[in-house]
Amino acid sequence: MHLSYSTSKYKGKVYKSYSIAKSYRDGKTSKKEIIWPIGKLTDLEAQQISLICKTISGTDQILTSLRDVVVKESKPYGDIAIANAIWERWKLSKAFEINTTSELSTNIVAKVLTLNRCIAPCSHYSIPRWVNEKDLGRLNDDKIYYELDKIGQNQESMENHLFEITYREDKKSYDYVNYDLSSSYFVGFKCSLSQYGKSKDDKPNNKQVLLGILVNDKGYPFKWDVYPGNMSEIDTLVDNVDACVKRFKLKNINMVFDRGIVSDGNLTYINNESLKYISALDKDQIPNIPSVDLSVFTGVTIENYKEYLPGLGFKQYDGSLFYQDLGEIDHQRYILGFNPALYKEDRKCRDEKIAYFENFLEKKNGELRNAKRSRKRESTRQIIFNELKRLKINKYFQDPILKAIQVEQKNKKGEMRTVKPFKITIRKKDNIIADWEKLDGVCVFISNHTGKTDNEYRFPAEKIINAYREKTKIEDVFKHIKAFLKIRPFNVNTESHVRAVYSICVFSYFINKDLAERRRKIEGIDCLNSKRLYEPFRKYHYMKVADEKYSKIKMGPMEFSPETKKYIISLGLKDLAK
């Protein structure tokens, strides 16, 4: 049964005459029987009667009132949909060559774990509950552990996939390859990879691992590693250079890395592989460079550097750096730089630390003058050494001198007794402090870009400086993985699981980075390391709506508004907008 109408014309105007009709077949012919002629109807009346006919004729239609319709459940889905759309855009499921054959295959579990890190990062203990809340499937701890092993086995294919899709998208983005490391700590002590080492998380009492990563010039990751926590950063570079040359077949690229990875062996190895390198030197390496005269900075002050440095042949790179190209020295290119903001910070930091220590020493001597018990010489000396080490200023002071003193104290019985503590004196190394003051604000960039044309370097000093400064894009990776994807602390213990968790975090960063880049092109803002990254999409929920009168339930996502659809299309995710 349905609402039917016929049309007629009167004085050039079309009129509709409605009726309730029933369709039936007469042999092979479809016919219509008028059950109830109605006549004229408004558009609203026609819609209402049509709905009544559908309700009578079908089981999926009900006639209800708004007061009987209630929302039973509502779950955010817009943010997950966006992250999933980017996963599909880059075909990240194809990164997994080893898959389990169950309904929840490895690539699906990897996707769920990745989306969780993107949207609501939590430990693997909490993931099954999150998955259940989002209706993403059924996961338990055993399944997660099993699939983490498989994800660990897929690491090389995951790296190859990210490289292939980003290289295909923009070959020029691999002109510069940035490499760096950070650390992450553990709660327990069972992982064989975890070792005590130099912590970058201010967790010296926790075991840790080193996390290494390679990113292209746009900041997209394509290779990563997990190293024992006590491994020297210098020892990690060669394998990554080999991967660039042999696995990824990269040629004529610039390897850009932090000053802590610089060594003669590493620089020679890169040079022998016909690659270029751009880095900087540690402060204690600078005085050893031939032809670098640090005495030129003796007269520099925060008030006069703008006039003083150009007179010495320095050029201004920007408001925070002056530089001088020292040219080629022993087959390496050196660029001497002076940063006035860093100069001010270096000097202030040193002066404050020395003043703090001198105040500490004064208080310690005050305690010793009023000591109620005798002190041991070595343990007292060690207290001073520990404070100097903690402040990282032991190079500025000579060894402490402990002079035994006698203090008369009254014991609990009122009897006088002699206590033997010490008076501590320590001299500053004024000549060492003066030498280090010459290095305040000073930096040196190093490269093997030594080729010239017509006596001019083909690779200008400005490009070397810019390439090194742009390595902040790799610092964004670790900042995001630690602060937003919450890789710290590791809650898994096996080497395979640790590597798999890091791989999931890299994939999550890749998705978040890509979304941030898409938004930056539209809005002109960088929201990568911001909680606003998924904010425009969080208001869209997956709803469960029920009709209380008929006990009918309808489930489905909220429809994107026209403005949001337009925005999603501008992000390059038109399939999601549909």
Protein backbone atom coordinates (compact mmCIF):
# COMPACT_ATOMS: atom_id res chain seq x y z
CA MET A 1 0.00 0.00 0.00
CA HIS A 2 1.33 3.44 -0.90
CA LEU A 3 0.41 7.06 -1.47
CA SER A 4 -0.26 7.77 -5.15
CA TYR A 5 -1.24 10.86 -7.05
CA SER A 6 -2.42 12.02 -10.45
CA THR A 7 -1.91 15.46 -12.00
CA SER A 8 -4.24 17.82 -13.85
CA LYS A 9 -3.86 21.27 -15.36
CA TYR A 10 -6.16 24.23 -14.91
CA LYS A 11 -5.37 27.69 -16.33
CA GLY A 12 -1.70 26.71 -16.77
CA LYS A 13 -1.29 25.49 -13.17
CA VAL A 14 -0.59 21.84 -12.24
CA TYR A 15 -2.66 20.24 -9.46
CA LYS A 16 -2.05 16.94 -7.65
CA SER A 17 -4.88 14.65 -6.53
CA TYR A 18 -3.78 12.05 -3.98
CA SER A 19 -5.13 8.58 -3.18
CA ILE A 20 -4.16 5.47 -1.23
CA ALA A 21 -3.37 2.74 -3.75
CA LYS A 22 -2.31 -0.90 -3.75
CA SER A 23 -0.14 -2.51 -6.41
CA TYR A 24 -0.92 -6.00 -7.69
CA ARG A 25 -0.04 -8.20 -10.66
CA ASP A 26 -2.44 -9.42 -13.32
CA GLY A 27 -0.43 -12.12 -15.04
CA LYS A 28 2.72 -10.39 -16.17
CA THR A 29 1.17 -6.94 -15.92
CA SER A 30 1.65 -4.68 -12.88
CA LYS A 31 -1.54 -2.80 -11.99
CA LYS A 32 -2.70 -0.32 -9.35
CA GLU A 33 -5.97 -0.38 -7.41
CA ILE A 34 -7.28 2.82 -5.79
CA ILE A 35 -8.40 1.95 -2.26
CA TRP A 36 -9.17 5.39 -0.93
CA PRO A 37 -9.30 8.64 -2.94
CA ILE A 38 -8.12 11.61 -0.85
CA GLY A 39 -7.82 14.66 -3.11
CA LYS A 40 -5.62 17.70 -2.38
CA LEU A 41 -2.87 17.49 0.31
CA THR A 42 -0.17 19.86 1.52
CA ASP A 43 3.41 18.66 1.17
CA LEU A 44 3.61 17.95 4.93
CA GLU A 45 0.34 15.98 4.88
CA ALA A 46 1.58 13.98 1.89
CA GLN A 47 4.83 13.11 3.74
CA GLN A 48 2.96 12.04 6.88
CA ILE A 49 0.46 9.83 5.01
CA SER A 50 3.29 8.31 2.95
CA LEU A 51 5.09 7.42 6.20
CA ILE A 52 1.91 5.82 7.56
CA CYS A 53 1.62 3.69 4.42
CA LYS A 54 5.24 2.57 4.73
CA THR A 55 4.72 1.76 8.41
CA ILE A 56 1.72 -0.43 7.60
CA SER A 57 3.49 -2.15 4.70
CA GLY A 58 6.96 -2.79 6.19
CA THR A 59 8.62 -4.06 9.36
CA ASP A 60 11.48 -1.53 9.40
CA GLN A 61 9.18 1.47 9.70
CA ILE A 62 7.35 2.64 12.84
CA LEU A 63 5.08 5.55 13.52
CA THR A 64 6.23 7.27 16.68
CA SER A 65 6.57 10.64 18.37
CA LEU A 66 9.72 12.50 19.33
CA ARG A 67 9.00 12.08 23.05
CA ASP A 68 9.31 8.29 22.63
CA VAL A 69 12.73 8.51 20.94
CA VAL A 70 15.71 8.42 23.32
CA VAL A 71 19.48 8.21 22.88
CA LYS A 72 20.64 5.05 24.64
CA GLU A 73 24.36 5.29 23.92
CA SER A 74 26.81 7.71 22.33
CA LYS A 75 30.48 7.10 21.52
CA PRO A 76 32.90 9.49 19.81
CA TYR A 77 33.82 8.19 16.39
CA GLY A 78 34.84 11.23 14.31
CA ASP A 79 38.45 11.25 15.55
CA ILE A 80 38.84 7.51 14.96
CA ALA A 81 37.30 7.87 11.50
CA ILE A 82 39.83 10.58 10.57
CA ALA A 83 42.83 8.56 11.80
CA ASN A 84 41.49 5.46 10.04
CA ALA A 85 41.00 7.46 6.80
CA ILE A 86 44.67 8.45 6.86
CA TRP A 87 45.66 4.81 7.56
CA GLU A 88 43.65 3.81 4.46
CA ARG A 89 44.97 6.76 2.42
CA TRP A 90 48.54 5.47 2.83
CA LYS A 91 47.47 1.78 2.61
CA LEU A 92 49.32 1.03 5.84
CA SER A 93 47.78 -2.45 6.09
CA LYS A 94 50.03 -3.43 3.18
CA ALA A 95 53.05 -2.85 5.41
CA PHE A 96 52.47 -6.24 7.05
CA GLU A 97 53.87 -9.23 5.19
CA ILE A 98 53.44 -11.63 8.12
CA ASN A 99 49.80 -11.93 9.19
CA THR A 100 47.85 -14.33 11.36
CA THR A 101 44.96 -16.06 9.61
CA SER A 102 42.35 -15.36 12.28
CA GLU A 103 39.54 -12.83 11.91
CA LEU A 104 41.68 -10.32 13.80
CA SER A 105 44.78 -10.52 11.62
CA THR A 106 48.06 -8.83 12.50
CA ASN A 107 47.47 -5.80 10.30
CA ILE A 108 44.01 -5.26 11.86
CA VAL A 109 45.36 -5.53 15.42
CA ALA A 110 48.20 -3.18 14.44
CA LYS A 111 45.62 -0.73 13.11
CA VAL A 112 43.60 -0.88 16.34
CA LEU A 113 46.72 -0.38 18.47
CA THR A 114 47.83 2.49 16.23
CA LEU A 115 44.46 4.25 16.35
CA ASN A 116 44.46 3.88 20.12
CA ARG A 117 47.84 5.63 20.35
CA CYS A 118 46.62 8.38 18.04
CA ILE A 119 43.34 9.04 19.85
CA ALA A 120 43.51 7.86 23.47
CA PRO A 121 46.92 6.32 24.27
CA CYS A 122 46.87 3.83 27.13
CA SER A 123 48.81 0.79 28.29
CA HIS A 124 48.20 -2.60 26.68
CA TYR A 125 46.39 -3.58 29.87
CA SER A 126 43.66 -1.01 29.12
CA ILE A 127 43.40 -1.55 25.37
CA PRO A 128 40.82 -4.42 25.47
CA ARG A 129 38.44 -2.21 27.43
CA TRP A 130 39.01 0.71 25.02
CA VAL A 131 38.40 -1.57 22.03
CA ASN A 132 35.17 -2.82 23.59
CA GLU A 133 34.00 0.72 24.34
CA LYS A 134 34.58 1.74 20.72
CA ASP A 135 32.99 -1.43 19.28
CA LEU A 136 36.19 -2.13 17.33
CA GLY A 137 36.24 -5.89 17.92
CA ARG A 138 37.31 -8.26 20.66
CA LEU A 139 40.82 -8.23 22.05
CA ASN A 140 42.35 -9.71 25.18
CA ASP A 141 45.83 -9.62 26.69
CA ASP A 142 46.94 -12.95 25.18
CA LYS A 143 45.90 -11.86 21.68
CA ILE A 144 47.71 -8.54 22.06
CA TYR A 145 50.94 -10.23 23.24
CA TYR A 146 50.71 -12.75 20.39
CA GLU A 147 50.24 -10.02 17.79
CA LEU A 148 52.99 -7.83 19.26
CA ASP A 149 55.39 -10.66 18.41
CA LYS A 150 54.08 -10.64 14.83
CA ILE A 151 54.32 -6.84 14.61
CA GLY A 152 57.93 -7.10 15.77
CA GLN A 153 58.62 -9.57 12.94
CA ASN A 154 57.11 -7.08 10.46
CA GLN A 155 59.35 -4.14 11.37
CA GLU A 156 61.48 -4.20 8.21
CA SER A 157 58.43 -4.47 5.93
CA MET A 158 56.81 -1.61 7.88
CA GLU A 159 59.91 0.52 7.34
CA ASN A 160 60.05 -0.39 3.64
CA HIS A 161 56.41 0.56 3.17
CA LEU A 162 56.79 3.98 4.80
CA PHE A 163 59.88 4.65 2.74
CA GLU A 164 58.24 3.61 -0.54
CA ILE A 165 55.08 5.68 -0.09
CA THR A 166 56.89 8.82 1.07
CA TYR A 167 59.66 8.52 -1.55
CA ARG A 168 57.06 8.04 -4.27
CA GLU A 169 55.16 11.08 -2.97
CA ASP A 170 58.20 13.39 -2.90
CA LYS A 171 61.70 12.26 -3.90
CA LYS A 172 63.17 15.66 -2.99
CA SER A 173 62.16 15.12 0.62
CA TYR A 174 65.04 12.64 0.84
CA ASP A 175 67.72 15.17 -0.07
CA TYR A 176 68.17 15.54 3.69
CA VAL A 177 67.86 12.59 6.07
CA ASN A 178 67.82 13.41 9.78
CA TYR A 179 68.95 10.94 12.45
CA ASP A 180 68.74 11.23 16.22
CA LEU A 181 68.21 9.23 19.40
CA SER A 182 66.34 9.55 22.64
CA SER A 183 65.75 7.31 25.63
CA SER A 184 62.72 5.79 27.31
CA TYR A 185 62.58 4.08 30.67
CA PHE A 186 61.00 0.97 32.17
CA VAL A 187 58.90 0.23 35.22
CA GLY A 188 60.40 -3.24 35.79
CA PHE A 189 63.82 -4.82 35.35
CA LYS A 190 63.08 -7.90 33.23
CA CYS A 191 63.73 -6.69 29.67
CA SER A 192 67.11 -7.81 28.31
CA LEU A 193 67.37 -4.61 26.25
CA SER A 194 66.96 -2.34 29.26
CA GLN A 195 70.17 -1.10 30.84
CA TYR A 196 71.28 1.76 33.03
CA GLY A 197 72.60 4.59 30.91
CA LYS A 198 72.58 8.34 30.35
CA SER A 199 68.89 9.19 30.73
CA LYS A 200 67.27 11.92 28.62
CA ASP A 201 64.09 11.57 30.68
CA ASP A 202 65.64 12.59 34.02
CA LYS A 203 65.16 9.02 35.26
CA PRO A 204 68.74 7.98 36.14
CA ASN A 205 67.53 5.30 38.56
CA ASN A 206 65.44 3.49 35.94
CA LYS A 207 66.66 1.07 33.34
CA GLN A 208 66.15 2.35 29.82
CA VAL A 209 66.49 1.74 26.10
CA LEU A 210 67.73 4.03 23.36
CA LEU A 211 65.29 4.86 20.58
CA GLY A 212 66.76 5.79 17.20
CA ILE A 213 64.87 7.12 14.19
CA LEU A 214 65.46 8.37 10.64
CA VAL A 215 63.11 10.96 9.12
CA ASN A 216 63.09 12.66 5.75
CA ASP A 217 63.24 16.40 5.24
CA LYS A 218 59.48 16.72 5.78
CA GLY A 219 59.70 14.95 9.12
CA TYR A 220 58.13 11.65 8.03
CA PRO A 221 59.78 8.59 9.66
CA PHE A 222 60.98 5.65 7.57
CA LYS A 223 63.39 3.68 9.79
CA TRP A 224 63.71 3.17 13.52
CA ASP A 225 65.64 1.04 16.02
CA VAL A 226 65.72 0.12 19.68
CA TYR A 227 69.16 -0.16 21.29
CA PRO A 228 70.34 -1.24 24.76
CA GLY A 229 70.15 1.62 27.25
CA ASN A 230 73.92 1.68 27.86
CA MET A 231 74.93 1.75 24.19
CA SER A 232 76.98 4.71 23.00
CA GLU A 233 75.07 6.94 20.57
CA ILE A 234 78.17 7.15 18.38
CA ASP A 235 78.00 3.38 17.77
CA THR A 236 74.48 3.51 16.30
CA LEU A 237 75.12 5.60 13.18
CA VAL A 238 76.92 3.18 10.86
CA ASP A 239 74.04 0.68 10.58
CA ASN A 240 71.66 3.51 9.67
CA VAL A 241 74.04 4.83 7.01
CA ASP A 242 74.21 1.30 5.59
CA ALA A 243 70.39 1.10 5.51
CA CYS A 244 70.19 4.39 3.57
CA VAL A 245 72.78 3.29 1.02
CA LYS A 246 72.13 -0.44 0.66
CA ARG A 247 68.48 -1.04 1.55
CA PHE A 248 66.88 2.21 0.44
CA LYS A 249 69.41 2.91 -2.37
CA LEU A 250 69.67 6.59 -1.49
CA LYS A 251 72.38 8.57 -3.25
CA ASN A 252 73.69 12.14 -3.00
CA ILE A 253 71.85 12.75 0.26
CA ASN A 254 72.78 14.80 3.31
CA MET A 255 72.92 12.96 6.62
CA VAL A 256 72.02 15.46 9.36
CA PHE A 257 72.57 14.43 12.98
CA ASP A 258 73.21 15.82 16.44
CA ARG A 259 76.61 16.78 17.79
CA GLY A 260 76.60 13.84 20.24
CA ILE A 261 76.96 11.39 17.32
CA VAL A 262 79.99 13.10 15.77
CA SER A 263 83.21 11.08 15.74
CA ASP A 264 86.11 10.83 13.29
CA GLY A 265 85.12 7.25 12.48
CA ASN A 266 81.48 8.14 11.72
CA LEU A 267 82.38 11.11 9.55
CA THR A 268 84.94 9.06 7.61
CA TYR A 269 82.43 6.25 7.09
CA ILE A 270 79.80 8.60 5.67
CA ASN A 271 82.39 10.20 3.42
CA ASN A 272 83.54 6.80 2.13
CA GLU A 273 79.91 5.96 1.24
CA SER A 274 79.85 9.10 -0.97
CA LEU A 275 77.23 10.78 1.20
CA LYS A 276 77.30 14.26 2.68
CA TYR A 277 77.03 15.03 6.38
CA ILE A 278 75.98 18.09 8.34
CA SER A 279 76.38 18.30 12.09
CA ALA A 280 77.96 20.37 14.85
CA LEU A 281 80.65 19.95 17.49
CA ASP A 282 80.41 19.65 21.24
CA LYS A 283 81.81 22.58 23.20
CA ASP A 284 84.83 20.60 24.38
CA GLN A 285 85.70 19.68 20.75
CA ILE A 286 85.80 23.29 19.52
CA PRO A 287 89.17 24.34 21.05
CA ASN A 288 90.86 21.46 19.19
CA ILE A 289 89.99 22.80 15.72
CA PRO A 290 93.06 24.21 13.98
CA SER A 291 92.83 27.89 13.05
CA VAL A 292 89.95 28.60 15.46
CA ASP A 293 91.03 31.55 17.61
CA LEU A 294 88.59 31.76 20.51
CA SER A 295 90.34 34.84 21.87
CA VAL A 296 88.36 36.89 19.32
CA PHE A 297 85.31 36.47 21.57
CA THR A 298 87.06 37.91 24.62
CA GLY A 299 85.75 41.39 23.92
CA VAL A 300 82.19 40.30 23.04
CA THR A 301 79.38 41.40 25.34
CA ILE A 302 75.62 41.20 25.10
CA GLU A 303 75.61 44.97 24.54
CA ASN A 304 78.20 45.24 21.74
CA TYR A 305 77.98 42.02 19.65
CA LYS A 306 75.99 43.64 16.81
CA GLU A 307 78.82 46.07 16.08
CA TYR A 308 81.76 43.97 17.33
CA LEU A 309 81.23 40.74 15.35
CA PRO A 310 80.85 42.22 11.82
CA GLY A 311 84.18 43.94 12.39
CA LEU A 312 85.70 40.48 12.85
CA GLY A 313 84.31 39.21 9.54
CA PHE A 314 81.10 37.65 10.87
CA LYS A 315 77.87 37.74 8.84
CA GLN A 316 74.41 37.88 10.35
CA TYR A 317 72.34 34.76 9.59
CA ASP A 318 69.28 35.93 11.52
CA GLY A 319 68.44 37.66 14.79
CA SER A 320 69.92 34.83 16.82
CA LEU A 321 73.08 33.87 14.94
CA PHE A 322 76.22 35.44 13.50
CA TYR A 323 78.57 33.19 11.52
CA GLN A 324 81.92 33.01 9.78
CA ASP A 325 82.80 30.37 7.18
CA LEU A 326 86.23 29.10 8.21
CA GLY A 327 86.51 27.10 5.00
CA GLU A 328 88.17 23.72 4.61
CA ILE A 329 90.48 22.47 7.34
CA ASP A 330 91.89 18.92 6.99
CA HIS A 331 89.26 18.05 4.34
CA GLN A 332 86.35 19.22 6.50
CA ARG A 333 84.32 22.41 6.32
CA TYR A 334 83.85 24.43 9.51
CA ILE A 335 81.46 27.31 10.15
CA LEU A 336 81.95 29.27 13.35
CA GLY A 337 78.80 30.69 14.90
CA PHE A 338 77.88 33.02 17.76
CA ASN A 339 74.41 33.01 19.31
CA PRO A 340 73.84 36.03 21.60
CA ALA A 341 70.83 34.45 23.33
CA LEU A 342 72.87 31.31 24.02
CA TYR A 343 75.79 33.48 25.18
CA LYS A 344 73.56 35.12 27.76
CA GLU A 345 72.09 31.78 28.85
CA ASP A 346 75.49 30.04 29.12
CA ARG A 347 76.97 32.80 31.25
CA LYS A 348 73.92 33.15 33.49
CA CYS A 349 73.68 29.39 34.00
CA ARG A 350 77.36 29.07 34.96
CA ASP A 351 77.27 32.03 37.35
CA GLU A 352 74.10 30.77 39.03
CA LYS A 353 75.50 27.26 39.48
CA ILE A 354 78.77 28.55 40.96
CA ALA A 355 76.87 30.88 43.31
CA TYR A 356 74.56 28.03 44.32
CA PHE A 357 77.54 25.77 45.09
CA GLU A 358 79.31 28.45 47.09
CA ASN A 359 76.15 28.95 49.14
CA PHE A 360 75.89 25.16 49.57
CA LEU A 361 79.51 25.07 50.81
CA GLU A 362 78.86 27.89 53.27
CA LYS A 363 75.86 26.04 54.72
CA LYS A 364 77.80 22.78 54.88
CA ASN A 365 80.62 24.47 56.83
CA GLY A 366 77.98 25.93 59.14
CA GLU A 367 76.61 22.45 59.78
CA LEU A 368 80.10 21.12 60.47
CA ARG A 369 80.85 23.91 62.98
CA ASN A 370 77.84 22.76 64.95
CA ALA A 371 78.32 19.04 64.39
CA LYS A 372 77.22 16.79 67.25
CA ARG A 373 79.34 13.88 66.06
CA SER A 374 82.70 13.37 64.37
CA ARG A 375 82.85 13.04 60.58
CA LYS A 376 84.90 10.82 58.26
CA ARG A 377 87.19 12.61 55.83
CA GLU A 378 86.33 10.61 52.68
CA SER A 379 82.57 10.62 53.17
CA THR A 380 82.66 14.41 53.78
CA ARG A 381 84.81 14.90 50.67
CA GLN A 382 82.41 12.74 48.63
CA ILE A 383 79.47 14.98 49.57
CA ILE A 384 81.29 17.90 47.90
CA PHE A 385 82.22 15.88 44.83
CA ASN A 386 78.62 14.67 44.42
CA GLU A 387 77.24 18.21 44.52
CA LEU A 388 79.79 19.44 41.97
CA LYS A 389 78.93 16.48 39.73
CA ARG A 390 75.19 17.08 40.10
CA LEU A 391 75.62 20.71 39.05
CA LYS A 392 78.07 19.69 36.30
CA ILE A 393 80.64 22.28 37.39
CA ASN A 394 83.40 20.04 38.81
CA LYS A 395 85.77 21.23 36.05
CA TYR A 396 85.64 24.76 37.49
CA PHE A 397 86.96 23.79 40.95
CA GLN A 398 90.09 22.30 42.43
CA ASP A 399 89.91 19.34 44.82
CA PRO A 400 88.40 20.31 48.18
CA ILE A 401 90.74 20.77 51.16
CA LEU A 402 89.44 19.41 54.46
CA LYS A 403 91.00 20.86 57.61
CA ALA A 404 90.20 18.99 60.82
CA ILE A 405 88.61 21.12 63.54
CA GLN A 406 87.49 20.43 67.10
CA VAL A 407 84.07 21.33 68.41
CA GLU A 408 83.09 21.13 72.07
CA GLN A 409 79.57 19.70 72.50
CA LYS A 410 77.49 18.78 75.52
CA ASN A 411 76.06 15.27 75.46
CA LYS A 412 72.67 14.17 76.80
CA LYS A 413 74.12 13.73 80.29
CA GLY A 414 75.35 17.31 80.29
CA GLU A 415 78.97 16.28 79.96
CA MET A 416 81.29 18.12 77.56
CA ARG A 417 82.93 16.10 74.80
CA THR A 418 85.11 16.89 71.77
CA VAL A 419 83.71 16.32 68.26
CA LYS A 420 86.06 16.27 65.26
CA PRO A 421 84.46 17.46 61.97
CA PHE A 422 86.15 19.47 59.20
CA LYS A 423 86.29 22.90 57.63
CA ILE A 424 86.07 22.67 53.84
CA THR A 425 87.80 25.09 51.50
CA ILE A 426 87.86 24.83 47.73
CA ARG A 427 89.35 27.12 45.12
CA LYS A 428 87.91 28.01 41.75
CA LYS A 429 89.98 27.37 38.63
CA ASP A 430 89.79 30.93 37.31
CA ASN A 431 91.84 30.12 34.21
CA ILE A 432 89.48 27.23 33.28
CA ILE A 433 86.43 29.42 33.85
CA ALA A 434 87.96 32.10 31.61
CA ASP A 435 88.60 29.51 28.88
CA TRP A 436 85.00 28.29 29.00
CA GLU A 437 83.67 31.85 29.00
CA LYS A 438 85.25 32.23 25.57
CA LEU A 439 82.92 29.43 24.41
CA ASP A 440 79.75 31.07 25.69
CA GLY A 441 77.31 31.35 22.80
CA VAL A 442 79.81 29.75 20.42
CA CYS A 443 78.93 26.88 18.09
CA VAL A 444 80.68 25.20 15.19
CA PHE A 445 78.91 23.50 12.28
CA ILE A 446 80.79 20.77 10.44
CA SER A 447 80.27 19.31 6.96
CA ASN A 448 82.04 17.64 4.06
CA HIS A 449 80.50 20.04 1.54
CA THR A 450 83.86 21.24 0.25
CA GLY A 451 83.22 21.40 -3.51
CA LYS A 452 83.87 24.72 -5.19
CA THR A 453 83.10 26.44 -8.49
CA ASP A 454 85.07 29.57 -9.42
CA ASN A 455 86.56 29.57 -5.92
CA GLU A 456 83.07 29.71 -4.34
CA TYR A 457 81.55 26.89 -2.33
CA ARG A 458 78.74 25.23 -4.26
CA PHE A 459 76.97 24.56 -0.97
CA PRO A 460 76.75 27.90 0.88
CA ALA A 461 77.30 28.18 4.61
CA GLU A 462 73.70 29.36 5.04
CA LYS A 463 72.37 26.03 3.72
CA ILE A 464 74.55 24.09 6.17
CA ILE A 465 73.29 26.16 9.09
CA ASN A 466 69.69 25.87 7.95
CA ALA A 467 69.92 22.09 7.52
CA TYR A 468 71.27 21.64 11.04
CA ARG A 469 68.70 23.96 12.56
CA GLU A 470 65.91 22.15 10.71
CA LYS A 471 66.73 18.98 12.62
CA THR A 472 64.16 20.20 15.14
CA LYS A 473 61.71 18.20 12.98
CA ILE A 474 63.21 15.02 14.42
CA GLU A 475 63.00 16.45 17.94
CA ASP A 476 59.26 16.80 17.27
CA VAL A 477 59.10 13.03 16.74
CA PHE A 478 60.41 12.21 20.21
CA LYS A 479 58.44 15.01 21.83
CA HIS A 480 55.25 13.67 20.28
CA ILE A 481 55.98 10.00 20.96
CA LYS A 482 56.77 10.70 24.60
CA ALA A 483 54.30 13.43 25.51
CA PHE A 484 51.31 12.57 23.31
CA LEU A 485 51.62 8.91 22.39
CA LYS A 486 52.81 8.10 25.90
CA ILE A 487 55.48 5.51 25.14
CA ARG A 488 56.94 6.15 28.63
CA PRO A 489 57.30 4.03 30.62
CA PHE A 490 57.52 0.75 28.74
CA ASN A 491 55.16 -1.75 30.37
CA VAL A 492 56.24 -4.75 28.29
CA ASN A 493 59.31 -6.85 28.97
CA THR A 494 60.37 -8.93 25.98
CA GLU A 495 62.67 -7.46 23.35
CA SER A 496 60.16 -8.27 20.59
CA HIS A 497 57.32 -6.51 22.43
CA VAL A 498 59.43 -3.42 23.14
CA ARG A 499 60.31 -3.12 19.46
CA ALA A 500 56.68 -3.67 18.47
CA VAL A 501 55.39 -0.96 20.84
CA TYR A 502 57.92 1.48 19.38
CA SER A 503 56.85 0.50 15.84
CA ILE A 504 53.20 1.17 16.73
CA CYS A 505 54.18 4.57 18.14
CA VAL A 506 56.07 5.41 14.93
CA PHE A 507 53.02 4.48 12.82
CA SER A 508 50.83 6.60 15.13
CA TYR A 509 53.23 9.51 14.77
CA PHE A 510 53.14 9.08 10.99
CA ILE A 511 49.33 9.41 10.99
CA ASN A 512 49.32 12.37 13.39
CA LYS A 513 52.11 14.08 11.46
CA ASP A 514 50.21 13.63 8.21
CA LEU A 515 46.99 15.03 9.69
CA ALA A 516 48.91 17.98 11.18
CA GLU A 517 50.49 18.71 7.78
CA ARG A 518 47.10 18.60 6.06
CA ARG A 519 45.63 20.98 8.62
CA ARG A 520 48.67 23.30 8.45
CA LYS A 521 48.23 23.74 4.69
CA ILE A 522 44.62 24.82 5.23
CA GLU A 523 44.81 26.75 8.51
CA GLY A 524 48.44 27.88 8.58
CA ILE A 525 48.99 26.56 12.12
CA ASP A 526 51.01 23.65 13.46
CA CYS A 527 48.86 21.60 15.83
CA LEU A 528 50.99 18.43 15.81
CA ASN A 529 51.99 18.63 19.46
CA SER A 530 48.62 19.94 20.56
CA LYS A 531 45.43 18.41 21.91
CA ARG A 532 43.60 20.34 19.17
CA LEU A 533 44.78 17.93 16.47
CA TYR A 534 41.54 15.87 16.45
CA GLU A 535 39.32 18.47 18.12
CA PRO A 536 37.23 19.41 15.01
CA PHE A 537 36.05 15.80 14.68
CA ARG A 538 35.41 14.73 18.27
CA LYS A 539 31.85 16.08 18.37
CA TYR A 540 30.72 13.41 15.92
CA HIS A 541 29.45 10.34 17.74
CA TYR A 542 28.26 6.86 16.95
CA MET A 543 24.72 6.73 18.34
CA LYS A 544 22.32 4.08 19.60
CA VAL A 545 18.75 5.47 19.33
CA ALA A 546 15.71 3.63 20.70
CA ASP A 547 11.96 4.00 20.42
CA GLU A 548 10.67 3.32 23.92
CA LYS A 549 7.12 2.56 22.77
CA TYR A 550 7.96 -0.15 20.23
CA SER A 551 11.36 -1.25 21.66
CA LYS A 552 13.05 -0.56 18.33
CA ILE A 553 16.77 0.27 18.19
CA LYS A 554 18.73 2.09 15.49
CA MET A 555 22.54 2.38 15.47
CA GLY A 556 24.69 4.57 13.27
CA PRO A 557 27.09 7.51 13.05
CA MET A 558 26.12 11.16 13.16
CA GLU A 559 26.21 12.73 9.73
CA PHE A 560 28.98 15.26 9.15
CA SER A 561 27.70 18.80 8.78
CA PRO A 562 28.08 20.40 5.32
CA GLU A 563 30.88 22.59 6.69
CA THR A 564 32.73 19.58 8.14
CA LYS A 565 32.28 17.62 4.90
CA LYS A 566 33.78 20.52 2.98
CA TYR A 567 36.67 20.69 5.48
CA ILE A 568 37.33 16.93 5.26
CA ILE A 569 37.39 17.15 1.45
CA SER A 570 39.90 20.01 1.68
CA LEU A 571 42.04 17.71 3.85
CA GLY A 572 42.21 15.33 0.89
CA LEU A 573 39.97 12.71 2.56
CA LYS A 574 36.95 12.89 0.26
CA ASP A 575 36.15 9.17 0.67
CA LEU A 576 35.45 9.81 4.35
CA ALA A 577 33.25 12.82 3.54
CA LYS A 578 31.03 10.55 1.44
